[in-house]
């Protein structure tokens, strides 16, 4: 492996560790809302196992009803248009 490729691999692994071990919740989802990445902090807050979420849950499945309505009617169209959001705050509900 050349040094440049090795350096990129180390940087990627470090970024992934920061994402998964961050003290705040992070989630990544596709433009149809399906979660494809979620960090360990948010998994623990929600009370799920990773396998129960990835590819199976939509981001708004974790919101209370008011947040779900706001997300679907206002925020999600904005994300679809822009392609990203730096930060969102919604009241979430745990599995139980």
C-alpha atoms as a PDB file:
ATOM      1  CA  UNK A   1       0.000   0.000   0.000  1.00  0.00           C
ATOM      2  CA  UNK A   2       1.486   3.359  -0.942  1.00  0.00           C
ATOM      3  CA  UNK A   3       1.826   6.075   1.695  1.00  0.00           C
ATOM      4  CA  UNK A   4      -0.905   8.278   0.202  1.00  0.00           C
ATOM      5  CA  UNK A   5      -3.482   5.464   0.247  1.00  0.00           C
ATOM      6  CA  UNK A   6      -2.434   4.456   3.759  1.00  0.00           C
ATOM      7  CA  UNK A   7      -2.782   8.094   4.923  1.00  0.00           C
ATOM      8  CA  UNK A   8      -6.309   8.344   3.436  1.00  0.00           C
ATOM      9  CA  UNK A   9      -7.304   5.085   5.134  1.00  0.00           C
ATOM     10  CA  UNK A  10      -6.076   6.319   8.524  1.00  0.00           C
ATOM     11  CA  UNK A  11      -7.921   9.643   8.116  1.00  0.00           C
ATOM     12  CA  UNK A  12     -11.135   7.874   7.138  1.00  0.00           C
ATOM     13  CA  UNK A  13     -10.910   5.497  10.088  1.00  0.00           C
ATOM     14  CA  UNK A  14     -10.292   8.440  12.446  1.00  0.00           C
ATOM     15  CA  UNK A  15     -13.323  10.299  11.073  1.00  0.00           C
ATOM     16  CA  UNK A  16     -15.472   7.193  11.480  1.00  0.00           C
ATOM     17  CA  UNK A  17     -14.311   6.802  15.090  1.00  0.00           C
ATOM     18  CA  UNK A  18     -15.162  10.447  15.827  1.00  0.00           C
ATOM     19  CA  UNK A  19     -18.616   9.970  14.307  1.00  0.00           C
ATOM     20  CA  UNK A  20     -19.416   6.786  16.191  1.00  0.00           C
ATOM     21  CA  UNK A  21     -17.898   7.786  19.534  1.00  0.00           C
ATOM     22  CA  UNK A  22     -19.132  11.402  19.650  1.00  0.00           C
ATOM     23  CA  UNK A  23     -20.942  12.494  22.834  1.00  0.00           C
ATOM     24  CA  UNK A  24     -23.894  13.743  20.757  1.00  0.00           C
ATOM     25  CA  UNK A  25     -26.180  11.802  18.464  1.00  0.00           C
ATOM     26  CA  UNK A  26     -25.422  11.577  14.756  1.00  0.00           C
ATOM     27  CA  UNK A  27     -27.479   9.930  12.069  1.00  0.00           C
ATOM     28  CA  UNK A  28     -27.168   9.778   8.289  1.00  0.00           C
ATOM     29  CA  UNK A  29     -30.111   8.932   6.088  1.00  0.00           C
ATOM     30  CA  UNK A  30     -30.943   8.688   2.406  1.00  0.00           C
ATOM     31  CA  UNK A  31     -33.267  11.041   0.547  1.00  0.00           C
ATOM     32  CA  UNK A  32     -36.181   8.710   1.283  1.00  0.00           C
ATOM     33  CA  UNK A  33     -35.458   8.930   5.024  1.00  0.00           C
ATOM     34  CA  UNK A  34     -33.983   5.451   5.549  1.00  0.00           C
ATOM     35  CA  UNK A  35     -31.163   5.460   8.095  1.00  0.00           C
ATOM     36  CA  UNK A  36     -27.886   4.131   6.695  1.00  0.00           C
ATOM     37  CA  UNK A  37     -25.509   5.233   9.471  1.00  0.00           C
ATOM     38  CA  UNK A  38     -26.004   6.091  13.134  1.00  0.00           C
ATOM     39  CA  UNK A  39     -23.519   6.587  15.924  1.00  0.00           C
ATOM     40  CA  UNK A  40     -23.319   4.525  19.097  1.00  0.00           C
ATOM     41  CA  UNK A  41     -24.410   7.431  21.308  1.00  0.00           C
ATOM     42  CA  UNK A  42     -27.751   7.808  19.531  1.00  0.00           C
ATOM     43  CA  UNK A  43     -28.278   4.041  19.432  1.00  0.00           C
ATOM     44  CA  UNK A  44     -27.876   3.922  23.204  1.00  0.00           C
ATOM     45  CA  UNK A  45     -30.210   6.898  23.735  1.00  0.00           C
ATOM     46  CA  UNK A  46     -32.892   5.272  21.576  1.00  0.00           C
ATOM     47  CA  UNK A  47     -32.565   1.812  23.126  1.00  0.00           C
ATOM     48  CA  UNK A  48     -32.218  -0.072  19.849  1.00  0.00           C
ATOM     49  CA  UNK A  49     -29.637  -2.432  18.437  1.00  0.00           C
ATOM     50  CA  UNK A  50     -27.799  -1.212  15.322  1.00  0.00           C
ATOM     51  CA  UNK A  51     -29.304  -4.096  13.278  1.00  0.00           C
ATOM     52  CA  UNK A  52     -32.835  -2.919  14.130  1.00  0.00           C
ATOM     53  CA  UNK A  53     -32.181   0.506  12.612  1.00  0.00           C
ATOM     54  CA  UNK A  54     -29.832   0.410   9.626  1.00  0.00           C
ATOM     55  CA  UNK A  55     -31.776   0.034   6.398  1.00  0.00           C
ATOM     56  CA  UNK A  56     -34.997  -0.642   8.315  1.00  0.00           C
ATOM     57  CA  UNK A  57     -36.009   2.584  10.087  1.00  0.00           C
ATOM     58  CA  UNK A  58     -36.689   6.021   8.673  1.00  0.00           C
ATOM     59  CA  UNK A  59     -35.345   9.021  10.518  1.00  0.00           C
ATOM     60  CA  UNK A  60     -38.813  10.276  11.444  1.00  0.00           C
ATOM     61  CA  UNK A  61     -39.688   6.920  13.063  1.00  0.00           C
ATOM     62  CA  UNK A  62     -37.805   8.246  16.090  1.00  0.00           C
ATOM     63  CA  UNK A  63     -39.715  11.545  16.374  1.00  0.00           C
ATOM     64  CA  UNK A  64     -42.780  12.254  18.417  1.00  0.00           C
ATOM     65  CA  UNK A  65     -45.895  13.066  16.367  1.00  0.00           C
ATOM     66  CA  UNK A  66     -45.444  16.862  16.263  1.00  0.00           C
ATOM     67  CA  UNK A  67     -41.820  16.556  15.204  1.00  0.00           C
ATOM     68  CA  UNK A  68     -42.714  13.953  12.610  1.00  0.00           C
ATOM     69  CA  UNK A  69     -45.302  16.240  11.016  1.00  0.00           C
ATOM     70  CA  UNK A  70     -42.920  19.206  10.988  1.00  0.00           C
ATOM     71  CA  UNK A  71     -40.117  17.085   9.565  1.00  0.00           C
ATOM     72  CA  UNK A  72     -42.250  15.613   6.774  1.00  0.00           C
ATOM     73  CA  UNK A  73     -43.885  18.911   5.737  1.00  0.00           C
ATOM     74  CA  UNK A  74     -41.111  21.476   6.252  1.00  0.00           C
ATOM     75  CA  UNK A  75     -37.696  20.117   7.081  1.00  0.00           C
ATOM     76  CA  UNK A  76     -37.472  17.030   4.866  1.00  0.00           C
ATOM     77  CA  UNK A  77     -38.327  18.975   1.667  1.00  0.00           C
ATOM     78  CA  UNK A  78     -35.549  21.414   2.576  1.00  0.00           C
ATOM     79  CA  UNK A  79     -33.058  18.575   3.058  1.00  0.00           C
ATOM     80  CA  UNK A  80     -34.096  17.055  -0.277  1.00  0.00           C
ATOM     81  CA  UNK A  81     -33.519  20.399  -1.966  1.00  0.00           C
ATOM     82  CA  UNK A  82     -30.188  21.230  -0.269  1.00  0.00           C
ATOM     83  CA  UNK A  83     -28.958  17.661   0.130  1.00  0.00           C
ATOM     84  CA  UNK A  84     -27.796  18.113   3.728  1.00  0.00           C
ATOM     85  CA  UNK A  85     -28.366  19.793   7.081  1.00  0.00           C
ATOM     86  CA  UNK A  86     -25.621  20.767   9.462  1.00  0.00           C
ATOM     87  CA  UNK A  87     -27.693  20.389  12.591  1.00  0.00           C
ATOM     88  CA  UNK A  88     -31.265  19.545  13.509  1.00  0.00           C
ATOM     89  CA  UNK A  89     -32.947  19.304  16.851  1.00  0.00           C
ATOM     90  CA  UNK A  90     -36.028  17.167  17.349  1.00  0.00           C
ATOM     91  CA  UNK A  91     -37.543  15.544  20.383  1.00  0.00           C
ATOM     92  CA  UNK A  92     -36.957  11.817  19.993  1.00  0.00           C
ATOM     93  CA  UNK A  93     -38.663   8.862  21.576  1.00  0.00           C
ATOM     94  CA  UNK A  94     -36.983   5.744  22.840  1.00  0.00           C
ATOM     95  CA  UNK A  95     -37.874   2.271  21.686  1.00  0.00           C
ATOM     96  CA  UNK A  96     -39.655   1.517  24.947  1.00  0.00           C
END
